[in-house]
C-alpha atoms as a PDB file:
ATOM      1  CA  MET A   1       6.435  18.058  -8.186  1.00  0.00           C
ATOM      2  CA  ASP A   2       4.445  20.394  -9.369  1.00  0.00           C
ATOM      3  CA  ASP A   3       6.613  23.427  -9.637  1.00  0.00           C
ATOM      4  CA  GLU A   4       2.935  26.205 -11.092  1.00  0.00           C
ATOM      5  CA  TYR A   5       1.293  24.613  -8.229  1.00  0.00           C
ATOM      6  CA  PRO A   6       3.202  23.698  -5.746  1.00  0.00           C
ATOM      7  CA  GLU A   7       0.650  23.761  -3.463  1.00  0.00           C
ATOM      8  CA  VAL A   8      -1.279  20.751  -5.041  1.00  0.00           C
ATOM      9  CA  ALA A   9       1.428  19.088  -5.460  1.00  0.00           C
ATOM     10  CA  GLN A  10       2.765  18.917  -2.296  1.00  0.00           C
ATOM     11  CA  ALA A  11      -1.470  18.211  -1.151  1.00  0.00           C
ATOM     12  CA  ASP A  12      -0.895  15.376  -3.246  1.00  0.00           C
ATOM     13  CA  PHE A  13       2.603  13.944  -1.258  1.00  0.00           C
ATOM     14  CA  ASP A  14       1.219  14.581   1.326  1.00  0.00           C
ATOM     15  CA  ARG A  15      -1.902  12.835   0.825  1.00  0.00           C
ATOM     16  CA  ALA A  16      -0.099   9.997  -0.358  1.00  0.00           C
ATOM     17  CA  ASP A  17       2.201  10.029   2.865  1.00  0.00           C
ATOM     18  CA  LYS A  18      -1.344   9.710   5.302  1.00  0.00           C
ATOM     19  CA  THR A  19      -3.165   7.317   3.578  1.00  0.00           C
ATOM     20  CA  VAL A  20      -0.238   4.706   3.203  1.00  0.00           C
ATOM     21  CA  ARG A  21       1.688   6.160   6.113  1.00  0.00           C
ATOM     22  CA  GLY A  22      -1.209   5.988   8.262  1.00  0.00           C
ATOM     23  CA  PHE A  23      -2.575   2.161   6.268  1.00  0.00           C
ATOM     24  CA  VAL A  24       0.704   1.248   7.716  1.00  0.00           C
ATOM     25  CA  GLU A  25       0.763   1.598  11.207  1.00  0.00           C
ATOM     26  CA  ASP A  26      -3.212   1.188  12.072  1.00  0.00           C
ATOM     27  CA  ILE A  27      -3.902  -2.551   9.384  1.00  0.00           C
ATOM     28  CA  CYS A  28      -1.449  -3.843   8.320  1.00  0.00           C
ATOM     29  CA  GLU A  29       2.160  -5.732  10.424  1.00  0.00           C
ATOM     30  CA  LEU A  30       5.539  -6.133   9.241  1.00  0.00           C
ATOM     31  CA  ASP A  31       6.563  -9.698   9.272  1.00  0.00           C
ATOM     32  CA  GLU A  32       9.324 -10.658   7.923  1.00  0.00           C
ATOM     33  CA  ASP A  33       7.040 -14.315   7.004  1.00  0.00           C
ATOM     34  CA  GLY A  34       4.068 -12.239   5.955  1.00  0.00           C
ATOM     35  CA  MET A  35       2.638 -12.507   2.807  1.00  0.00           C
ATOM     36  CA  THR A  36      -0.729 -11.306   1.419  1.00  0.00           C
ATOM     37  CA  SER A  37      -1.668 -11.090  -2.161  1.00  0.00           C
ATOM     38  CA  LYS A  38      -0.952  -7.364  -3.565  1.00  0.00           C
ATOM     39  CA  ASN A  39      -4.621  -7.513  -4.895  1.00  0.00           C
ATOM     40  CA  SER A  40      -5.840  -7.997  -0.609  1.00  0.00           C
ATOM     41  CA  LEU A  41      -3.590  -5.417   0.479  1.00  0.00           C
ATOM     42  CA  PHE A  42      -5.195  -2.829  -2.194  1.00  0.00           C
ATOM     43  CA  GLU A  43      -7.888  -3.813  -1.693  1.00  0.00           C
ATOM     44  CA  ARG A  44      -7.841  -3.170   1.700  1.00  0.00           C
ATOM     45  CA  TYR A  45      -5.988   0.062   1.734  1.00  0.00           C
ATOM     46  CA  ARG A  46      -9.198   1.690  -0.565  1.00  0.00           C
ATOM     47  CA  HIS A  47     -11.594   0.198   1.817  1.00  0.00           C
ATOM     48  CA  TYR A  48      -9.454   1.684   4.787  1.00  0.00           C
ATOM     49  CA  CYS A  49      -9.137   5.441   2.312  1.00  0.00           C
ATOM     50  CA  SER A  50     -12.978   4.743   2.294  1.00  0.00           C
ATOM     51  CA  GLU A  51     -13.402   4.292   6.098  1.00  0.00           C
ATOM     52  CA  ILE A  52     -11.231   7.958   6.406  1.00  0.00           C
ATOM     53  CA  SER A  53     -12.807   9.525   4.055  1.00  0.00           C
ATOM     54  CA  GLU A  54      -9.077   9.937   1.844  1.00  0.00           C
ATOM     55  CA  PRO A  55      -9.659   9.519  -2.099  1.00  0.00           C
ATOM     56  CA  GLY A  56      -6.689   7.394  -1.315  1.00  0.00           C
ATOM     57  CA  LEU A  57      -4.064   6.759  -4.518  1.00  0.00           C
ATOM     58  CA  SER A  58      -4.080   4.721  -7.896  1.00  0.00           C
ATOM     59  CA  ARG A  59      -2.660   1.582  -7.573  1.00  0.00           C
ATOM     60  CA  ALA A  60       0.455   2.361  -8.995  1.00  0.00           C
ATOM     61  CA  VAL A  61       1.230   4.869  -7.399  1.00  0.00           C
ATOM     62  CA  PHE A  62      -0.506   3.351  -3.797  1.00  0.00           C
ATOM     63  CA  PHE A  63       2.656   0.575  -4.442  1.00  0.00           C
ATOM     64  CA  LYS A  64       5.618   3.174  -5.377  1.00  0.00           C
ATOM     65  CA  GLU A  65       4.552   4.828  -1.912  1.00  0.00           C
ATOM     66  CA  LEU A  66       4.458   1.326   0.300  1.00  0.00           C
ATOM     67  CA  TYR A  67       7.754  -0.132  -1.351  1.00  0.00           C
ATOM     68  CA  ALA A  68       9.051   3.396  -0.775  1.00  0.00           C
ATOM     69  CA  LEU A  69       7.818   3.815   2.852  1.00  0.00           C
ATOM     70  CA  VAL A  70       8.725   0.435   3.990  1.00  0.00           C
ATOM     71  CA  GLY A  71      12.006  -1.201   3.884  1.00  0.00           C
ATOM     72  CA  GLY A  72      12.297  -4.627   3.679  1.00  0.00           C
ATOM     73  CA  ILE A  73       9.143  -5.557   1.627  1.00  0.00           C
ATOM     74  CA  ARG A  74       9.331  -7.197  -1.894  1.00  0.00           C
ATOM     75  CA  THR A  75       6.906  -8.900  -4.502  1.00  0.00           C
ATOM     76  CA  TYR A  76       7.233 -12.651  -5.081  1.00  0.00           C
ATOM     77  CA  ARG A  77       5.167 -14.861  -6.929  1.00  0.00           C
ATOM     78  CA  PRO A  78       5.209 -18.264  -6.227  1.00  0.00           C
ATOM     79  CA  ARG A  79       3.519 -21.376  -8.035  1.00  0.00           C
ATOM     80  CA  ASN A  80       0.954 -23.494  -6.661  1.00  0.00           C
ATOM     81  CA  ASP A  81      -1.970 -24.952  -7.755  1.00  0.00           C
ATOM     82  CA  GLY A  82      -4.234 -22.100  -7.840  1.00  0.00           C
ATOM     83  CA  GLY A  83      -1.893 -20.479 -10.916  1.00  0.00           C
ATOM     84  CA  ARG A  84       0.203 -17.309  -9.395  1.00  0.00           C
ATOM     85  CA  VAL A  85      -0.465 -14.776  -8.370  1.00  0.00           C
ATOM     86  CA  TRP A  86       1.623 -11.742  -6.962  1.00  0.00           C
ATOM     87  CA  GLN A  87       2.155 -11.431  -3.322  1.00  0.00           C
ATOM     88  CA  VAL A  88       4.315  -9.397  -1.209  1.00  0.00           C
ATOM     89  CA  LEU A  89       6.062 -10.734   1.224  1.00  0.00           C
ATOM     90  CA  GLY A  90       7.060  -8.851   4.531  1.00  0.00           C
ATOM     91  CA  ILE A  91       3.924  -7.702   5.811  1.00  0.00           C
ATOM     92  CA  ARG A  92      -0.019  -9.050   6.456  1.00  0.00           C
ATOM     93  CA  VAL A  93      -3.377  -7.216   6.986  1.00  0.00           C
ATOM     94  CA  LEU A  94      -4.634  -7.828  10.434  1.00  0.00           C
ATOM     95  CA  ASP A  95      -7.842  -7.916  10.201  1.00  0.00           C
ATOM     96  CA  ALA A  96      -7.680  -9.674   6.775  1.00  0.00           C
END
């Protein structure tokens, strides 16, 4: 947190918590068999933030917050015919 401006740092933390938590609760389903590409998950998060008029987080911060918030999800990069695409296991987007 920013010691010089603690209210700014707290506001950033609250925004991160609000947008990521809301995204998971409103748009996602936690499912041990679920799998969503990291790109799709982040794109849908950005769309969600736009819908609720919030600026959203950077990709790196979004995934950091997501992994901290939701236990049991992890990244995976399976081999398939189209190349190797990063996936997040344990979560899926409901309206994708």
